[in-house]
Amino acid sequence: MESDTVIEALAALSQATRLEVFRLLVQHEPDGLPAGDIARMLAVPANTMSAHLAVLARAGLATAERNGRSIVYRAGLDRFRAVVLFLLTDCCGGHPALCNTLIADLTPCCPRKESVDG
């Protein structure tokens, strides 16, 4: 991953409303949310929300899909994962044991579900 891509993603998240939008989208994975619902839930005018969603989409932190008359947005988890991995590469100067606490904190709050097929 290029540094410019990481900087763009971090810049997109460095604004309070966009950070709230991204966190809201993560909470609503995998279904996503229509743009209008996001604007209503965060009490942001639709045109302002559209601009925020466009910034997140350009940074790869949100994806959009037309569903009838609405546009449903989803969190760009693959891009977010890549940004975090970029930041953690060569963790602790080549001493990964020093990062055990950090890695433990990054463990998802929701454990993966075991498949029914086993």
C-alpha atoms as a PDB file:
ATOM      1  CA  MET A   1       0.000   0.000   0.000  1.00  0.00           C
ATOM      2  CA  GLU A   2       1.245   3.460  -0.858  1.00  0.00           C
ATOM      3  CA  SER A   3       1.710   6.108   1.812  1.00  0.00           C
ATOM      4  CA  ASP A   4      -0.567   8.492  -0.138  1.00  0.00           C
ATOM      5  CA  THR A   5      -3.431   5.995   0.079  1.00  0.00           C
ATOM      6  CA  VAL A   6      -2.994   5.695   3.850  1.00  0.00           C
ATOM      7  CA  ILE A   7      -2.801   9.467   4.235  1.00  0.00           C
ATOM      8  CA  GLU A   8      -6.021   9.880   2.217  1.00  0.00           C
ATOM      9  CA  ALA A   9      -7.837   7.333   4.420  1.00  0.00           C
ATOM     10  CA  LEU A  10      -6.590   8.899   7.642  1.00  0.00           C
ATOM     11  CA  ALA A  11      -7.504  12.367   6.378  1.00  0.00           C
ATOM     12  CA  ALA A  12     -11.024  11.161   5.572  1.00  0.00           C
ATOM     13  CA  LEU A  13     -11.415   9.858   9.124  1.00  0.00           C
ATOM     14  CA  SER A  14      -9.909  12.962  10.709  1.00  0.00           C
ATOM     15  CA  GLN A  15     -13.211  14.862  10.497  1.00  0.00           C
ATOM     16  CA  ALA A  16     -15.761  14.186  13.251  1.00  0.00           C
ATOM     17  CA  THR A  17     -18.840  13.567  11.068  1.00  0.00           C
ATOM     18  CA  ARG A  18     -16.974  11.277   8.683  1.00  0.00           C
ATOM     19  CA  LEU A  19     -15.588   9.298  11.604  1.00  0.00           C
ATOM     20  CA  GLU A  20     -19.136   8.928  12.970  1.00  0.00           C
ATOM     21  CA  VAL A  21     -20.377   7.831   9.543  1.00  0.00           C
ATOM     22  CA  PHE A  22     -17.651   5.214   9.206  1.00  0.00           C
ATOM     23  CA  ARG A  23     -18.336   3.837  12.687  1.00  0.00           C
ATOM     24  CA  LEU A  24     -22.082   3.734  11.918  1.00  0.00           C
ATOM     25  CA  LEU A  25     -21.432   1.858   8.678  1.00  0.00           C
ATOM     26  CA  VAL A  26     -19.237  -0.657  10.510  1.00  0.00           C
ATOM     27  CA  GLN A  27     -22.067  -1.243  12.993  1.00  0.00           C
ATOM     28  CA  HIS A  28     -24.434  -1.978  10.112  1.00  0.00           C
ATOM     29  CA  GLU A  29     -22.287  -4.461   8.232  1.00  0.00           C
ATOM     30  CA  PRO A  30     -22.940  -6.368   6.082  1.00  0.00           C
ATOM     31  CA  ASP A  31     -26.275  -4.808   5.098  1.00  0.00           C
ATOM     32  CA  GLY A  32     -25.183  -1.182   4.964  1.00  0.00           C
ATOM     33  CA  LEU A  33     -27.431   1.859   5.216  1.00  0.00           C
ATOM     34  CA  PRO A  34     -29.166   4.115   2.722  1.00  0.00           C
ATOM     35  CA  ALA A  35     -27.650   7.595   2.516  1.00  0.00           C
ATOM     36  CA  GLY A  36     -30.869   9.218   3.718  1.00  0.00           C
ATOM     37  CA  ASP A  37     -30.947   7.036   6.827  1.00  0.00           C
ATOM     38  CA  ILE A  38     -27.342   7.916   7.631  1.00  0.00           C
ATOM     39  CA  ALA A  39     -28.144  11.624   7.325  1.00  0.00           C
ATOM     40  CA  ARG A  40     -31.208  11.282   9.564  1.00  0.00           C
ATOM     41  CA  MET A  41     -29.457   9.132  12.177  1.00  0.00           C
ATOM     42  CA  LEU A  42     -26.623  11.636  12.501  1.00  0.00           C
ATOM     43  CA  ALA A  43     -28.822  14.741  12.083  1.00  0.00           C
ATOM     44  CA  VAL A  44     -26.785  16.026   9.131  1.00  0.00           C
ATOM     45  CA  PRO A  45     -28.364  17.733   6.107  1.00  0.00           C
ATOM     46  CA  ALA A  46     -28.563  15.412   3.081  1.00  0.00           C
ATOM     47  CA  ASN A  47     -26.324  17.547   0.852  1.00  0.00           C
ATOM     48  CA  THR A  48     -23.658  17.772   3.570  1.00  0.00           C
ATOM     49  CA  MET A  49     -23.876  14.027   4.159  1.00  0.00           C
ATOM     50  CA  SER A  50     -23.468  13.424   0.450  1.00  0.00           C
ATOM     51  CA  ALA A  51     -20.187  15.341   0.518  1.00  0.00           C
ATOM     52  CA  HIS A  52     -18.954  13.371   3.551  1.00  0.00           C
ATOM     53  CA  LEU A  53     -19.885  10.056   1.935  1.00  0.00           C
ATOM     54  CA  ALA A  54     -18.057  11.071  -1.240  1.00  0.00           C
ATOM     55  CA  VAL A  55     -14.865  11.741   0.740  1.00  0.00           C
ATOM     56  CA  LEU A  56     -15.126   8.347   2.455  1.00  0.00           C
ATOM     57  CA  ALA A  57     -15.801   6.637  -0.875  1.00  0.00           C
ATOM     58  CA  ARG A  58     -12.803   8.315  -2.574  1.00  0.00           C
ATOM     59  CA  ALA A  59     -10.633   7.089   0.311  1.00  0.00           C
ATOM     60  CA  GLY A  60     -12.021   3.565  -0.127  1.00  0.00           C
ATOM     61  CA  LEU A  61     -13.593   3.595   3.338  1.00  0.00           C
ATOM     62  CA  ALA A  62     -17.152   3.383   2.004  1.00  0.00           C
ATOM     63  CA  THR A  63     -18.739   1.720  -0.994  1.00  0.00           C
ATOM     64  CA  ALA A  64     -22.016   2.660  -2.623  1.00  0.00           C
ATOM     65  CA  GLU A  65     -24.568   0.531  -4.400  1.00  0.00           C
ATOM     66  CA  ARG A  66     -27.787   1.709  -5.956  1.00  0.00           C
ATOM     67  CA  ASN A  67     -30.818  -0.129  -4.598  1.00  0.00           C
ATOM     68  CA  GLY A  68     -33.917   1.152  -6.364  1.00  0.00           C
ATOM     69  CA  ARG A  69     -34.164   4.855  -5.621  1.00  0.00           C
ATOM     70  CA  SER A  70     -31.661   4.796  -2.764  1.00  0.00           C
ATOM     71  CA  ILE A  71     -27.944   4.447  -2.551  1.00  0.00           C
ATOM     72  CA  VAL A  72     -26.838   2.003   0.133  1.00  0.00           C
ATOM     73  CA  TYR A  73     -23.441   2.599   1.683  1.00  0.00           C
ATOM     74  CA  ARG A  74     -21.248  -0.020   3.313  1.00  0.00           C
ATOM     75  CA  ALA A  75     -18.012   0.284   5.240  1.00  0.00           C
ATOM     76  CA  GLY A  76     -14.877  -0.277   3.179  1.00  0.00           C
ATOM     77  CA  LEU A  77     -13.493  -2.809   5.619  1.00  0.00           C
ATOM     78  CA  ASP A  78     -10.871  -4.159   3.220  1.00  0.00           C
ATOM     79  CA  ARG A  79      -9.344  -0.684   2.829  1.00  0.00           C
ATOM     80  CA  PHE A  80      -9.533  -0.053   6.574  1.00  0.00           C
ATOM     81  CA  ARG A  81      -7.848  -3.384   7.242  1.00  0.00           C
ATOM     82  CA  ALA A  82      -5.090  -2.534   4.758  1.00  0.00           C
ATOM     83  CA  VAL A  83      -4.516   0.861   6.407  1.00  0.00           C
ATOM     84  CA  VAL A  84      -4.245  -0.696   9.867  1.00  0.00           C
ATOM     85  CA  LEU A  85      -1.898  -3.398   8.572  1.00  0.00           C
ATOM     86  CA  PHE A  86       0.221  -0.740   6.869  1.00  0.00           C
ATOM     87  CA  LEU A  87       0.504   1.130  10.175  1.00  0.00           C
ATOM     88  CA  LEU A  88       1.406  -2.038  12.075  1.00  0.00           C
ATOM     89  CA  THR A  89       3.927  -3.437   9.599  1.00  0.00           C
ATOM     90  CA  ASP A  90       7.271  -3.941  11.310  1.00  0.00           C
ATOM     91  CA  CYS A  91       5.487  -3.533  14.613  1.00  0.00           C
ATOM     92  CA  CYS A  92       7.697  -2.464  17.492  1.00  0.00           C
ATOM     93  CA  GLY A  93      10.914  -2.343  15.498  1.00  0.00           C
ATOM     94  CA  GLY A  94      10.964  -6.022  14.653  1.00  0.00           C
ATOM     95  CA  HIS A  95      10.116  -7.146  18.189  1.00  0.00           C
ATOM     96  CA  PRO A  96       6.545  -8.434  17.758  1.00  0.00           C
ATOM     97  CA  ALA A  97       6.357  -9.598  21.371  1.00  0.00           C
ATOM     98  CA  LEU A  98       6.215  -5.935  22.366  1.00  0.00           C
ATOM     99  CA  CYS A  99       2.991  -5.600  20.392  1.00  0.00           C
ATOM    100  CA  ASN A 100       1.065  -8.406  22.117  1.00  0.00           C
ATOM    101  CA  THR A 101      -1.062  -5.938  24.085  1.00  0.00           C
ATOM    102  CA  LEU A 102      -1.849  -3.937  20.959  1.00  0.00           C
ATOM    103  CA  ILE A 103      -2.755  -7.066  19.024  1.00  0.00           C
ATOM    104  CA  ALA A 104      -4.976  -8.252  21.888  1.00  0.00           C
ATOM    105  CA  ASP A 105      -6.776  -4.890  21.865  1.00  0.00           C
ATOM    106  CA  LEU A 106      -7.408  -5.261  18.133  1.00  0.00           C
ATOM    107  CA  THR A 107      -9.183  -8.580  18.590  1.00  0.00           C
ATOM    108  CA  PRO A 108     -12.731  -8.109  17.340  1.00  0.00           C
ATOM    109  CA  CYS A 109     -15.421  -7.573  19.936  1.00  0.00           C
ATOM    110  CA  CYS A 110     -17.622 -10.053  18.124  1.00  0.00           C
ATOM    111  CA  PRO A 111     -16.004 -13.484  17.731  1.00  0.00           C
ATOM    112  CA  ARG A 112     -16.377 -15.187  14.386  1.00  0.00           C
ATOM    113  CA  LYS A 113     -19.265 -17.573  14.130  1.00  0.00           C
ATOM    114  CA  GLU A 114     -18.346 -21.176  13.519  1.00  0.00           C
ATOM    115  CA  SER A 115     -19.745 -22.498  10.271  1.00  0.00           C
ATOM    116  CA  VAL A 116     -22.588 -24.974  10.508  1.00  0.00           C
ATOM    117  CA  ASP A 117     -20.674 -27.366   8.267  1.00  0.00           C
ATOM    118  CA  GLY A 118     -17.919 -27.465  10.899  1.00  0.00           C
END
